[in-house]
Protein backbone atom coordinates (compact mmCIF):
# COMPACT_ATOMS: atom_id res chain seq x y z
CA MET A 1 -3.81 -17.00 4.91
CA ILE A 2 -4.34 -16.47 1.14
CA ASP A 3 -7.98 -16.16 0.30
CA ALA A 4 -9.79 -17.39 -2.79
CA LEU A 5 -8.99 -14.25 -4.72
CA GLY A 6 -5.19 -14.90 -4.06
CA ALA A 7 -4.91 -12.06 -1.65
CA PRO A 8 -2.31 -12.62 1.18
CA GLN A 9 -2.11 -10.91 4.41
CA SER A 10 1.69 -11.33 4.97
CA VAL A 11 4.61 -11.29 2.50
CA LEU A 12 8.39 -11.73 2.77
CA VAL A 13 10.26 -10.39 -0.29
CA LEU A 14 13.89 -11.37 -0.80
CA GLY A 15 15.12 -8.95 -3.42
CA ALA A 16 12.84 -6.17 -2.43
CA THR A 17 14.46 -3.50 -4.62
CA SER A 18 13.85 -5.36 -7.89
CA ASP A 19 11.19 -3.99 -10.35
CA ILE A 20 9.40 -7.22 -10.44
CA ALA A 21 9.10 -7.31 -6.64
CA ALA A 22 7.82 -3.88 -6.45
CA ALA A 23 5.22 -4.51 -9.16
CA THR A 24 4.09 -7.61 -7.48
CA LEU A 25 3.67 -5.85 -3.99
CA THR A 26 1.70 -3.18 -5.69
CA ARG A 27 -0.64 -5.68 -7.15
CA LEU A 28 -0.93 -7.74 -3.91
CA ALA A 29 -1.59 -4.59 -1.82
CA GLY A 30 -4.32 -3.55 -4.32
CA LEU A 31 -6.33 -6.66 -3.28
CA GLY A 32 -6.86 -5.07 0.05
CA ARG A 33 -5.79 -7.64 2.62
CA LEU A 34 -2.02 -7.13 2.83
CA ARG A 35 -1.15 -6.14 6.38
CA ARG A 36 2.49 -7.12 6.95
CA VAL A 37 5.48 -7.06 4.56
CA VAL A 38 9.07 -7.79 5.26
CA LEU A 39 11.35 -6.21 2.64
CA ALA A 40 14.79 -7.77 2.37
CA SER A 41 17.68 -6.84 0.23
CA ARG A 42 21.24 -5.73 0.45
CA ALA A 43 21.50 -2.35 2.35
CA SER A 44 20.71 0.72 0.25
CA ALA A 45 18.78 3.91 -0.01
CA ALA A 46 16.53 2.03 -2.50
CA LEU A 47 15.41 -0.32 0.20
CA ASP A 48 14.31 2.51 2.44
CA ARG A 49 12.45 4.21 -0.42
CA GLU A 50 10.64 0.90 -1.28
CA ALA A 51 9.55 0.61 2.42
CA SER A 52 8.11 4.12 2.21
CA ARG A 53 6.32 3.32 -1.03
CA VAL A 54 4.77 0.17 0.36
CA ARG A 55 3.45 2.07 3.43
CA GLY A 56 1.97 4.50 0.99
CA LEU A 57 0.10 1.60 -0.53
CA GLY A 58 -1.79 1.17 2.77
CA VAL A 59 0.30 -1.59 4.40
CA THR A 60 0.38 -0.95 8.04
CA ASP A 61 3.28 -3.16 9.11
CA VAL A 62 6.32 -2.68 6.99
CA THR A 63 9.83 -3.78 8.12
CA THR A 64 13.19 -4.03 6.33
CA ALA A 65 16.01 -6.48 6.66
CA THR A 66 19.41 -6.74 4.90
CA PHE A 67 21.34 -9.71 3.64
CA ASP A 68 24.24 -10.62 1.49
CA ALA A 69 23.13 -12.88 -1.43
CA ARG A 70 26.70 -14.27 -1.57
CA ASP A 71 26.42 -15.53 2.10
CA PRO A 72 23.95 -18.41 2.56
CA HIS A 73 24.13 -17.95 6.34
CA SER A 74 23.09 -14.33 5.88
CA VAL A 75 20.16 -15.30 3.75
CA GLY A 76 18.95 -18.07 6.24
CA ARG A 77 19.13 -15.58 9.03
CA VAL A 78 16.80 -13.16 7.30
CA VAL A 79 14.27 -15.77 6.53
CA ALA A 80 14.25 -17.19 10.14
CA LYS A 81 13.90 -13.53 11.55
CA ALA A 82 10.93 -12.86 9.23
CA PHE A 83 9.13 -16.05 10.22
CA SER A 84 9.83 -15.30 13.96
CA GLY A 85 7.47 -12.31 13.61
CA GLY A 86 4.60 -14.66 12.61
CA ASP A 87 3.28 -16.82 9.82
CA LEU A 88 3.91 -15.66 6.26
CA ASP A 89 1.48 -16.23 3.45
CA VAL A 90 3.92 -15.59 0.62
CA VAL A 91 7.65 -15.70 0.26
CA LEU A 92 8.85 -14.12 -2.96
CA VAL A 93 12.41 -14.96 -3.95
CA ALA A 94 13.29 -12.29 -6.51
CA PHE A 95 16.97 -11.46 -6.27
CA GLY A 96 19.63 -12.05 -8.81
CA THR A 97 22.07 -10.45 -11.24
CA LEU A 98 22.57 -10.68 -14.97
CA PRO A 99 26.33 -10.97 -15.88
CA ASP A 100 27.72 -10.06 -19.18
CA GLN A 101 28.47 -13.38 -20.91
CA HIS A 102 31.74 -12.20 -22.44
CA ASP A 103 32.94 -10.72 -19.29
CA ALA A 104 32.13 -13.92 -17.40
CA LEU A 105 34.11 -16.03 -19.85
CA GLN A 106 37.03 -13.75 -19.64
CA HIS A 107 36.99 -13.47 -15.82
CA PRO A 108 35.95 -16.76 -14.14
CA GLU A 109 35.33 -14.80 -10.82
CA ILE A 110 32.39 -13.16 -12.55
CA ALA A 111 30.90 -16.52 -13.55
CA VAL A 112 31.42 -17.80 -9.96
CA ASP A 113 29.77 -14.65 -8.63
CA SER A 114 26.75 -15.22 -10.86
CA ALA A 115 26.38 -18.81 -9.55
CA GLN A 116 26.60 -17.42 -5.93
CA VAL A 117 23.96 -14.73 -6.44
CA ASN A 118 21.58 -16.42 -8.91
CA TYR A 119 21.75 -19.95 -7.49
CA VAL A 120 23.46 -20.55 -4.19
CA GLY A 121 21.90 -17.60 -2.43
CA PRO A 122 18.27 -18.37 -3.70
CA LEU A 123 18.96 -22.05 -2.86
CA ALA A 124 19.51 -20.97 0.73
CA ALA A 125 16.45 -18.82 0.72
CA CYS A 126 14.21 -21.46 -0.83
CA VAL A 127 15.24 -24.30 1.43
CA ALA A 128 14.95 -22.19 4.50
CA ALA A 129 11.53 -20.73 3.55
CA ALA A 130 10.16 -24.18 2.44
CA GLY A 131 11.03 -25.58 5.87
CA ARG A 132 9.19 -22.98 7.63
CA LEU A 133 6.18 -23.09 5.36
CA ARG A 134 5.99 -26.85 5.85
CA TRP A 135 6.00 -26.26 9.60
CA GLN A 136 3.19 -23.63 9.57
CA GLY A 137 1.14 -25.83 7.15
CA HIS A 138 0.33 -23.08 4.63
CA GLY A 139 1.79 -20.53 2.42
CA THR A 140 3.35 -20.23 -0.91
CA LEU A 141 7.03 -19.83 -1.99
CA VAL A 142 7.20 -17.90 -5.29
CA VAL A 143 10.40 -18.34 -7.06
CA LEU A 144 11.61 -16.22 -10.02
CA SER A 145 13.32 -18.52 -12.49
CA SER A 146 13.68 -17.66 -16.12
CA VAL A 147 13.08 -19.19 -19.56
CA ALA A 148 16.95 -19.24 -19.72
CA ALA A 149 16.71 -22.19 -17.46
CA GLU A 150 15.00 -24.28 -20.05
CA ARG A 151 17.84 -24.86 -22.47
CA PRO A 152 21.36 -23.46 -22.49
CA ARG A 153 21.87 -20.94 -25.20
CA ARG A 154 25.28 -19.79 -26.56
CA THR A 155 24.55 -16.13 -25.52
CA ASN A 156 23.74 -16.56 -21.88
CA TYR A 157 24.57 -20.09 -20.63
CA VAL A 158 26.49 -18.75 -17.61
CA TYR A 159 23.29 -16.98 -16.35
CA GLY A 160 21.09 -19.92 -17.70
CA SER A 161 23.10 -22.55 -15.95
CA ALA A 162 22.41 -20.96 -12.49
CA LYS A 163 18.68 -20.37 -13.31
CA ALA A 164 18.45 -24.02 -14.37
CA GLY A 165 19.71 -25.09 -11.02
CA LEU A 166 17.34 -22.77 -9.23
CA ASP A 167 14.38 -24.01 -11.40
CA ALA A 168 15.09 -27.67 -10.63
CA LEU A 169 15.40 -26.99 -6.99
CA ALA A 170 12.15 -25.01 -6.81
CA THR A 171 10.36 -27.64 -8.91
CA GLY A 172 11.54 -30.42 -6.55
CA LEU A 173 10.51 -28.37 -3.49
CA GLY A 174 7.02 -28.03 -4.92
CA ASP A 175 6.80 -31.73 -5.32
CA ASP A 176 8.04 -32.33 -1.86
CA LEU A 177 5.76 -29.86 -0.27
CA CYS A 178 2.73 -31.46 -1.99
CA GLY A 179 0.14 -32.46 0.75
CA THR A 180 1.59 -30.22 3.40
CA GLY A 181 -0.59 -27.24 2.88
CA ALA A 182 2.34 -25.30 1.58
CA SER A 183 3.11 -24.74 -2.25
CA VAL A 184 5.72 -23.48 -4.71
CA ILE A 185 5.07 -21.39 -7.77
CA VAL A 186 7.98 -21.29 -10.36
CA VAL A 187 7.84 -18.19 -12.49
CA ARG A 188 9.61 -18.31 -15.87
CA PRO A 189 9.68 -14.87 -17.38
CA GLY A 190 11.37 -14.14 -20.67
CA PHE A 191 13.02 -10.82 -21.28
CA VAL A 192 11.60 -8.21 -18.76
CA LYS A 193 12.22 -4.59 -19.11
CA THR A 194 13.77 -3.61 -15.86
CA LYS A 195 16.77 -1.86 -14.33
CA MET A 196 18.70 -5.10 -14.75
CA THR A 197 18.12 -5.31 -18.50
CA ALA A 198 18.47 -1.56 -19.25
CA GLY A 199 20.64 -0.99 -22.26
CA LEU A 200 19.98 -4.54 -23.73
CA ARG A 201 18.10 -4.96 -26.87
CA PRO A 202 14.68 -6.51 -25.90
CA ALA A 203 14.16 -10.10 -27.13
CA PRO A 204 11.01 -11.20 -28.99
CA LEU A 205 8.03 -11.32 -26.59
CA ALA A 206 9.67 -8.90 -24.16
CA THR A 207 7.32 -8.11 -21.23
CA THR A 208 7.15 -5.70 -18.14
CA PRO A 209 7.28 -6.14 -14.45
CA GLU A 210 3.55 -5.42 -14.20
CA VAL A 211 2.69 -8.27 -16.55
CA VAL A 212 4.87 -10.67 -14.46
CA ALA A 213 3.14 -9.30 -11.31
CA ALA A 214 -0.19 -9.98 -12.80
CA ALA A 215 0.82 -13.66 -13.66
CA ILE A 216 1.99 -14.14 -10.13
CA GLY A 217 -1.30 -12.89 -8.87
CA GLY A 218 -3.21 -15.17 -11.13
CA ALA A 219 -1.02 -18.12 -9.90
CA LEU A 220 -1.73 -17.43 -6.34
CA ARG A 221 -5.43 -17.20 -7.11
CA GLY A 222 -5.52 -20.29 -9.24
CA GLY A 223 -2.94 -22.62 -7.65
CA THR A 224 -0.84 -22.82 -10.77
CA ALA A 225 2.52 -24.42 -10.10
CA THR A 226 4.47 -23.06 -13.18
CA VAL A 227 4.04 -19.74 -14.79
CA TRP A 228 5.33 -18.57 -18.17
CA VAL A 229 5.45 -14.82 -18.83
CA PRO A 230 4.14 -14.16 -21.42
CA ARG A 231 2.19 -17.28 -21.74
CA PRO A 232 3.29 -18.04 -25.47
CA LEU A 233 6.78 -18.66 -24.20
CA ARG A 234 5.63 -21.98 -22.96
CA TYR A 235 5.03 -23.15 -26.43
CA VAL A 236 8.05 -21.53 -27.93
CA MET A 237 10.31 -23.20 -25.37
CA ALA A 238 8.46 -26.52 -25.86
CA VAL A 239 9.58 -26.46 -29.50
CA LEU A 240 13.16 -25.23 -28.83
CA ARG A 241 13.64 -27.79 -26.17
CA HIS A 242 13.50 -30.56 -28.83
CA VAL A 243 15.29 -28.81 -31.74
CA PRO A 244 18.24 -31.16 -32.55
CA ARG A 245 21.50 -29.76 -31.14
CA PRO A 246 23.35 -29.25 -34.51
CA LEU A 247 20.41 -27.07 -35.67
CA PHE A 248 20.08 -25.44 -32.32
CA ARG A 249 23.73 -24.26 -32.54
CA ARG A 250 22.94 -22.35 -35.76
CA LEU A 251 20.01 -20.38 -34.34
CA PRO A 252 20.65 -16.73 -33.47
CA LEU A 253 19.95 -17.28 -29.80
């Protein structure tokens, strides 16, 4: 169970090799109650390294699992296997990819792949995990969305459209789970300096995985349903959401 300080005892991470996932686990382990962690991602040496790192944080029960984000059945099997080992306090859905917009428009298969990895795979994970959390009567599903989900922008609408679908799904699941003891946190970061964004010019209000992790920790502690990182993005997007479309098209976004 998650205590009043937002400290869980058991966590499943889908997308365990991401920088945000690693920072979040470091923060949760630092709260002193984390005992069981299931790390899931595609098979790689990075997954094994992350397992060793998490054990070094003092977590006694660390296991790994592999899945294919492009195969919803693979995602569902990993979730089911993780819950078969006992209740989970937190499920973190943190996998995805950032396609090059130009390449995606030139090669439709890249756009389709983005939809598979950023929406269909996470959809399978969220639906499977939400059902398990509802059944056990407690726990939190943490879903990494993006500010890109808020309004399609000319420079990243392929990625943004997938994130918009995921954001809507996670928000709906949160409403549906209300009163069951389980809950959903939707996390909407802006530009985060990670391996995935390496080489890209940071956007205004760019942040770090550690700041996102701190926001997730605060939401687990305070029961916040929607998290903007950094917080001022909430107000920036509230304005951009209502900018008339002809004017919005002229903005350098």
